Amino acid sequence: MESVGRPVIDNFVGVLQREKDKRGLIIAFDFTKGAEAELARLKREANIEIELIPCKRLLREEIPFRQLA
């Protein structure tokens, strides 16, 4: 199982830009440090906020899935 990295973040930002949106979330099993660093840069430089949600948080019900809708 691979972790979601910066390339996925970059692709997702492209979708946000096409949709003229500045917020989104990505749910995956795990994320790389590069993905987290890219999110910090995007927030600082482009005011884009993407929340990374690991599946284990959903499974532990730390984030009720209904809040995501």
PDB file of N, CA and C in Angstrom:
ATOM      1  N   MET A   1       0.842  -1.160   0.000  1.00  0.00           N
ATOM      2  CA  MET A   1       0.000   0.000   0.000  1.00  0.00           C
ATOM      3  C   MET A   1       0.901   1.241   0.000  1.00  0.00           C
ATOM      4  N   GLU A   2       0.680   2.114  -0.965  1.00  0.00           N
ATOM      5  CA  GLU A   2       1.488   3.316  -1.080  1.00  0.00           C
ATOM      6  C   GLU A   2       0.796   4.491  -0.411  1.00  0.00           C
ATOM      7  N   SER A   3       1.611   5.407   0.075  1.00  0.00           N
ATOM      8  CA  SER A   3       1.087   6.630   0.672  1.00  0.00           C
ATOM      9  C   SER A   3       0.830   7.657  -0.422  1.00  0.00           C
ATOM     10  N   VAL A   4      -0.147   8.502  -0.184  1.00  0.00           N
ATOM     11  CA  VAL A   4      -0.443   9.583  -1.117  1.00  0.00           C
ATOM     12  C   VAL A   4       0.637  10.644  -0.956  1.00  0.00           C
ATOM     13  N   GLY A   5       1.228  11.051  -2.074  1.00  0.00           N
ATOM     14  CA  GLY A   5       2.319  12.021  -2.049  1.00  0.00           C
ATOM     15  C   GLY A   5       1.988  13.292  -2.805  1.00  0.00           C
ATOM     16  N   ARG A   6       3.017  14.058  -3.018  1.00  0.00           N
ATOM     17  CA  ARG A   6       2.863  15.357  -3.657  1.00  0.00           C
ATOM     18  C   ARG A   6       2.228  15.291  -5.049  1.00  0.00           C
ATOM     19  N   PRO A   7       2.530  14.302  -5.895  1.00  0.00           N
ATOM     20  CA  PRO A   7       1.896  14.266  -7.215  1.00  0.00           C
ATOM     21  C   PRO A   7       0.359  14.239  -7.138  1.00  0.00           C
ATOM     22  N   VAL A   8      -0.181  13.510  -6.180  1.00  0.00           N
ATOM     23  CA  VAL A   8      -1.637  13.464  -6.020  1.00  0.00           C
ATOM     24  C   VAL A   8      -2.157  14.836  -5.587  1.00  0.00           C
ATOM     25  N   ILE A   9      -1.438  15.478  -4.689  1.00  0.00           N
ATOM     26  CA  ILE A   9      -1.819  16.826  -4.239  1.00  0.00           C
ATOM     27  C   ILE A   9      -1.816  17.775  -5.432  1.00  0.00           C
ATOM     28  N   ASP A  10      -0.767  17.723  -6.232  1.00  0.00           N
ATOM     29  CA  ASP A  10      -0.665  18.600  -7.398  1.00  0.00           C
ATOM     30  C   ASP A  10      -1.832  18.377  -8.370  1.00  0.00           C
ATOM     31  N   ASN A  11      -2.190  17.124  -8.614  1.00  0.00           N
ATOM     32  CA  ASN A  11      -3.330  16.819  -9.487  1.00  0.00           C
ATOM     33  C   ASN A  11      -4.638  17.352  -8.908  1.00  0.00           C
ATOM     34  N   PHE A  12      -4.789  17.203  -7.609  1.00  0.00           N
ATOM     35  CA  PHE A  12      -6.011  17.665  -6.937  1.00  0.00           C
ATOM     36  C   PHE A  12      -6.113  19.186  -6.999  1.00  0.00           C
ATOM     37  N   VAL A  13      -4.992  19.877  -6.850  1.00  0.00           N
ATOM     38  CA  VAL A  13      -4.987  21.345  -6.951  1.00  0.00           C
ATOM     39  C   VAL A  13      -5.438  21.763  -8.352  1.00  0.00           C
ATOM     40  N   GLY A  14      -5.029  21.030  -9.361  1.00  0.00           N
ATOM     41  CA  GLY A  14      -5.480  21.323 -10.720  1.00  0.00           C
ATOM     42  C   GLY A  14      -6.992  21.246 -10.845  1.00  0.00           C
ATOM     43  N   VAL A  15      -7.589  20.260 -10.218  1.00  0.00           N
ATOM     44  CA  VAL A  15      -9.049  20.120 -10.232  1.00  0.00           C
ATOM     45  C   VAL A  15      -9.690  21.291  -9.485  1.00  0.00           C
ATOM     46  N   LEU A  16      -9.145  21.631  -8.318  1.00  0.00           N
ATOM     47  CA  LEU A  16      -9.691  22.764  -7.562  1.00  0.00           C
ATOM     48  C   LEU A  16      -9.631  24.049  -8.386  1.00  0.00           C
ATOM     49  N   GLN A  17      -8.542  24.264  -9.069  1.00  0.00           N
ATOM     50  CA  GLN A  17      -8.394  25.480  -9.868  1.00  0.00           C
ATOM     51  C   GLN A  17      -9.389  25.501 -11.023  1.00  0.00           C
ATOM     52  N   ARG A  18      -9.588  24.374 -11.693  1.00  0.00           N
ATOM     53  CA  ARG A  18     -10.574  24.304 -12.777  1.00  0.00           C
ATOM     54  C   ARG A  18     -11.975  24.606 -12.263  1.00  0.00           C
ATOM     55  N   GLU A  19     -12.262  24.133 -11.042  1.00  0.00           N
ATOM     56  CA  GLU A  19     -13.585  24.331 -10.451  1.00  0.00           C
ATOM     57  C   GLU A  19     -13.693  25.670  -9.716  1.00  0.00           C
ATOM     58  N   LYS A  20     -12.607  26.446  -9.751  1.00  0.00           N
ATOM     59  CA  LYS A  20     -12.549  27.747  -9.072  1.00  0.00           C
ATOM     60  C   LYS A  20     -12.891  27.618  -7.580  1.00  0.00           C
ATOM     61  N   ASP A  21     -12.263  26.621  -6.963  1.00  0.00           N
ATOM     62  CA  ASP A  21     -12.467  26.354  -5.541  1.00  0.00           C
ATOM     63  C   ASP A  21     -11.129  26.438  -4.830  1.00  0.00           C
ATOM     64  N   LYS A  22     -11.157  26.686  -3.539  1.00  0.00           N
ATOM     65  CA  LYS A  22      -9.927  26.803  -2.752  1.00  0.00           C
ATOM     66  C   LYS A  22      -9.881  25.809  -1.598  1.00  0.00           C
ATOM     67  N   ARG A  23     -10.896  24.924  -1.491  1.00  0.00           N
ATOM     68  CA  ARG A  23     -10.943  23.979  -0.380  1.00  0.00           C
ATOM     69  C   ARG A  23     -11.277  22.583  -0.880  1.00  0.00           C
ATOM     70  N   GLY A  24     -10.713  21.595  -0.199  1.00  0.00           N
ATOM     71  CA  GLY A  24     -11.008  20.220  -0.538  1.00  0.00           C
ATOM     72  C   GLY A  24     -10.497  19.275   0.522  1.00  0.00           C
ATOM     73  N   LEU A  25     -10.756  18.004   0.345  1.00  0.00           N
ATOM     74  CA  LEU A  25     -10.227  16.999   1.268  1.00  0.00           C
ATOM     75  C   LEU A  25      -9.878  15.751   0.493  1.00  0.00           C
ATOM     76  N   ILE A  26      -8.890  15.064   1.001  1.00  0.00           N
ATOM     77  CA  ILE A  26      -8.433  13.809   0.407  1.00  0.00           C
ATOM     78  C   ILE A  26      -8.426  12.756   1.508  1.00  0.00           C
ATOM     79  N   ILE A  27      -9.067  11.637   1.238  1.00  0.00           N
ATOM     80  CA  ILE A  27      -9.091  10.512   2.169  1.00  0.00           C
ATOM     81  C   ILE A  27      -8.215   9.412   1.585  1.00  0.00           C
ATOM     82  N   ALA A  28      -7.279   8.922   2.385  1.00  0.00           N
ATOM     83  CA  ALA A  28      -6.370   7.861   1.929  1.00  0.00           C
ATOM     84  C   ALA A  28      -5.874   7.073   3.137  1.00  0.00           C
ATOM     85  N   PHE A  29      -5.179   5.987   2.858  1.00  0.00           N
ATOM     86  CA  PHE A  29      -4.635   5.190   3.954  1.00  0.00           C
ATOM     87  C   PHE A  29      -3.520   5.931   4.680  1.00  0.00           C
ATOM     88  N   ASP A  30      -2.665   6.635   3.938  1.00  0.00           N
ATOM     89  CA  ASP A  30      -1.551   7.358   4.561  1.00  0.00           C
ATOM     90  C   ASP A  30      -1.070   8.435   3.604  1.00  0.00           C
ATOM     91  N   PHE A  31      -0.307   9.386   4.143  1.00  0.00           N
ATOM     92  CA  PHE A  31       0.206  10.516   3.366  1.00  0.00           C
ATOM     93  C   PHE A  31       1.700  10.670   3.637  1.00  0.00           C
ATOM     94  N   THR A  32       2.427  11.117   2.625  1.00  0.00           N
ATOM     95  CA  THR A  32       3.865  11.336   2.794  1.00  0.00           C
ATOM     96  C   THR A  32       4.116  12.692   3.433  1.00  0.00           C
ATOM     97  N   LYS A  33       5.311  12.871   3.942  1.00  0.00           N
ATOM     98  CA  LYS A  33       5.705  14.172   4.492  1.00  0.00           C
ATOM     99  C   LYS A  33       5.723  15.227   3.384  1.00  0.00           C
ATOM    100  N   GLY A  34       6.065  14.811   2.159  1.00  0.00           N
ATOM    101  CA  GLY A  34       6.058  15.732   1.028  1.00  0.00           C
ATOM    102  C   GLY A  34       4.665  16.284   0.756  1.00  0.00           C
ATOM    103  N   ALA A  35       3.647  15.439   0.920  1.00  0.00           N
ATOM    104  CA  ALA A  35       2.258  15.894   0.734  1.00  0.00           C
ATOM    105  C   ALA A  35       1.903  16.919   1.797  1.00  0.00           C
ATOM    106  N   GLU A  36       2.282  16.652   3.032  1.00  0.00           N
ATOM    107  CA  GLU A  36       1.987  17.583   4.122  1.00  0.00           C
ATOM    108  C   GLU A  36       2.722  18.908   3.934  1.00  0.00           C
ATOM    109  N   ALA A  37       3.962  18.857   3.479  1.00  0.00           N
ATOM    110  CA  ALA A  37       4.734  20.079   3.236  1.00  0.00           C
ATOM    111  C   ALA A  37       4.113  20.890   2.106  1.00  0.00           C
ATOM    112  N   GLU A  38       3.633  20.199   1.069  1.00  0.00           N
ATOM    113  CA  GLU A  38       2.997  20.884  -0.055  1.00  0.00           C
ATOM    114  C   GLU A  38       1.719  21.585   0.394  1.00  0.00           C
ATOM    115  N   LEU A  39       0.975  20.968   1.291  1.00  0.00           N
ATOM    116  CA  LEU A  39      -0.240  21.609   1.805  1.00  0.00           C
ATOM    117  C   LEU A  39       0.073  22.884   2.557  1.00  0.00           C
ATOM    118  N   ALA A  40       1.121  22.865   3.349  1.00  0.00           N
ATOM    119  CA  ALA A  40       1.526  24.067   4.085  1.00  0.00           C
ATOM    120  C   ALA A  40       1.910  25.174   3.105  1.00  0.00           C
ATOM    121  N   ARG A  41       2.621  24.818   2.046  1.00  0.00           N
ATOM    122  CA  ARG A  41       3.019  25.817   1.048  1.00  0.00           C
ATOM    123  C   ARG A  41       1.800  26.370   0.319  1.00  0.00           C
ATOM    124  N   LEU A  42       0.877  25.503  -0.069  1.00  0.00           N
ATOM    125  CA  LEU A  42      -0.325  25.946  -0.769  1.00  0.00           C
ATOM    126  C   LEU A  42      -1.156  26.900   0.080  1.00  0.00           C
ATOM    127  N   LYS A  43      -1.266  26.580   1.357  1.00  0.00           N
ATOM    128  CA  LYS A  43      -2.044  27.454   2.250  1.00  0.00           C
ATOM    129  C   LYS A  43      -1.372  28.823   2.370  1.00  0.00           C
ATOM    130  N   ARG A  44      -0.074  28.808   2.531  1.00  0.00           N
ATOM    131  CA  ARG A  44       0.694  30.043   2.714  1.00  0.00           C
ATOM    132  C   ARG A  44       0.727  30.891   1.441  1.00  0.00           C
ATOM    133  N   GLU A  45       0.961  30.265   0.306  1.00  0.00           N
ATOM    134  CA  GLU A  45       1.194  31.014  -0.933  1.00  0.00           C
ATOM    135  C   GLU A  45      -0.043  31.213  -1.802  1.00  0.00           C
ATOM    136  N   ALA A  46      -1.004  30.288  -1.738  1.00  0.00           N
ATOM    137  CA  ALA A  46      -2.148  30.365  -2.650  1.00  0.00           C
ATOM    138  C   ALA A  46      -3.499  30.376  -1.938  1.00  0.00           C
ATOM    139  N   ASN A  47      -3.461  30.356  -0.608  1.00  0.00           N
ATOM    140  CA  ASN A  47      -4.687  30.340   0.194  1.00  0.00           C
ATOM    141  C   ASN A  47      -5.587  29.160  -0.185  1.00  0.00           C
ATOM    142  N   ILE A  48      -4.974  28.016  -0.508  1.00  0.00           N
ATOM    143  CA  ILE A  48      -5.704  26.792  -0.812  1.00  0.00           C
ATOM    144  C   ILE A  48      -5.607  25.878   0.404  1.00  0.00           C
ATOM    145  N   GLU A  49      -6.766  25.397   0.867  1.00  0.00           N
ATOM    146  CA  GLU A  49      -6.793  24.523   2.040  1.00  0.00           C
ATOM    147  C   GLU A  49      -7.306  23.149   1.646  1.00  0.00           C
ATOM    148  N   ILE A  50      -6.460  22.151   1.826  1.00  0.00           N
ATOM    149  CA  ILE A  50      -6.835  20.766   1.567  1.00  0.00           C
ATOM    150  C   ILE A  50      -6.616  19.987   2.855  1.00  0.00           C
ATOM    151  N   GLU A  51      -7.653  19.323   3.303  1.00  0.00           N
ATOM    152  CA  GLU A  51      -7.547  18.524   4.518  1.00  0.00           C
ATOM    153  C   GLU A  51      -7.197  17.087   4.135  1.00  0.00           C
ATOM    154  N   LEU A  52      -6.204  16.525   4.802  1.00  0.00           N
ATOM    155  CA  LEU A  52      -5.820  15.131   4.599  1.00  0.00           C
ATOM    156  C   LEU A  52      -6.431  14.302   5.714  1.00  0.00           C
ATOM    157  N   ILE A  53      -7.218  13.314   5.339  1.00  0.00           N
ATOM    158  CA  ILE A  53      -7.898  12.482   6.327  1.00  0.00           C
ATOM    159  C   ILE A  53      -7.459  11.036   6.151  1.00  0.00           C
ATOM    160  N   PRO A  54      -6.714  10.507   7.122  1.00  0.00           N
ATOM    161  CA  PRO A  54      -6.327   9.095   7.041  1.00  0.00           C
ATOM    162  C   PRO A  54      -7.529   8.194   7.362  1.00  0.00           C
ATOM    163  N   CYS A  55      -7.636   7.093   6.654  1.00  0.00           N
ATOM    164  CA  CYS A  55      -8.744   6.160   6.870  1.00  0.00           C
ATOM    165  C   CYS A  55      -8.861   5.721   8.325  1.00  0.00           C
ATOM    166  N   LYS A  56      -7.730   5.564   8.997  1.00  0.00           N
ATOM    167  CA  LYS A  56      -7.786   5.089  10.385  1.00  0.00           C
ATOM    168  C   LYS A  56      -8.576   6.047  11.277  1.00  0.00           C
ATOM    169  N   ARG A  57      -8.552   7.343  10.970  1.00  0.00           N
ATOM    170  CA  ARG A  57      -9.359   8.291  11.759  1.00  0.00           C
ATOM    171  C   ARG A  57     -10.842   8.064  11.522  1.00  0.00           C
ATOM    172  N   LEU A  58     -11.215   7.737  10.306  1.00  0.00           N
ATOM    173  CA  LEU A  58     -12.619   7.437  10.024  1.00  0.00           C
ATOM    174  C   LEU A  58     -13.039   6.140  10.707  1.00  0.00           C
ATOM    175  N   LEU A  59     -12.165   5.135  10.643  1.00  0.00           N
ATOM    176  CA  LEU A  59     -12.487   3.848  11.246  1.00  0.00           C
ATOM    177  C   LEU A  59     -12.623   3.943  12.765  1.00  0.00           C
ATOM    178  N   ARG A  60     -11.857   4.830  13.370  1.00  0.00           N
ATOM    179  CA  ARG A  60     -11.952   5.042  14.821  1.00  0.00           C
ATOM    180  C   ARG A  60     -13.082   6.003  15.171  1.00  0.00           C
ATOM    181  N   GLU A  61     -13.766   6.478  14.137  1.00  0.00           N
ATOM    182  CA  GLU A  61     -14.863   7.428  14.288  1.00  0.00           C
ATOM    183  C   GLU A  61     -14.418   8.744  14.926  1.00  0.00           C
ATOM    184  N   GLU A  62     -13.167   9.101  14.711  1.00  0.00           N
ATOM    185  CA  GLU A  62     -12.694  10.402  15.164  1.00  0.00           C
ATOM    186  C   GLU A  62     -13.324  11.496  14.309  1.00  0.00           C
ATOM    187  N   ILE A  63     -13.665  11.150  13.066  1.00  0.00           N
ATOM    188  CA  ILE A  63     -14.341  12.077  12.158  1.00  0.00           C
ATOM    189  C   ILE A  63     -15.600  11.360  11.680  1.00  0.00           C
ATOM    190  N   PRO A  64     -16.753  11.709  12.232  1.00  0.00           N
ATOM    191  CA  PRO A  64     -17.978  11.058  11.750  1.00  0.00           C
ATOM    192  C   PRO A  64     -18.146  11.327  10.255  1.00  0.00           C
ATOM    193  N   PHE A  65     -18.378  10.265   9.473  1.00  0.00           N
ATOM    194  CA  PHE A  65     -18.442  10.422   8.018  1.00  0.00           C
ATOM    195  C   PHE A  65     -19.531  11.394   7.604  1.00  0.00           C
ATOM    196  N   ARG A  66     -20.552  11.576   8.390  1.00  0.00           N
ATOM    197  CA  ARG A  66     -21.621  12.519   8.040  1.00  0.00           C
ATOM    198  C   ARG A  66     -21.132  13.970   8.033  1.00  0.00           C
ATOM    199  N   GLN A  67     -20.096  14.274   8.807  1.00  0.00           N
ATOM    200  CA  GLN A  67     -19.545  15.636   8.815  1.00  0.00           C
ATOM    201  C   GLN A  67     -18.831  15.948   7.516  1.00  0.00           C
ATOM    202  N   LEU A  68     -18.403  14.937   6.785  1.00  0.00           N
ATOM    203  CA  LEU A  68     -17.668  15.154   5.547  1.00  0.00           C
ATOM    204  C   LEU A  68     -18.585  15.544   4.394  1.00  0.00           C
ATOM    205  N   ALA A  69     -19.835  15.177   4.482  1.00  0.00           N
ATOM    206  CA  ALA A  69     -20.776  15.453   3.382  1.00  0.00           C
ATOM    207  C   ALA A  69     -21.150  16.910   3.289  1.00  0.00           C
TER     208      ALA A  69
END
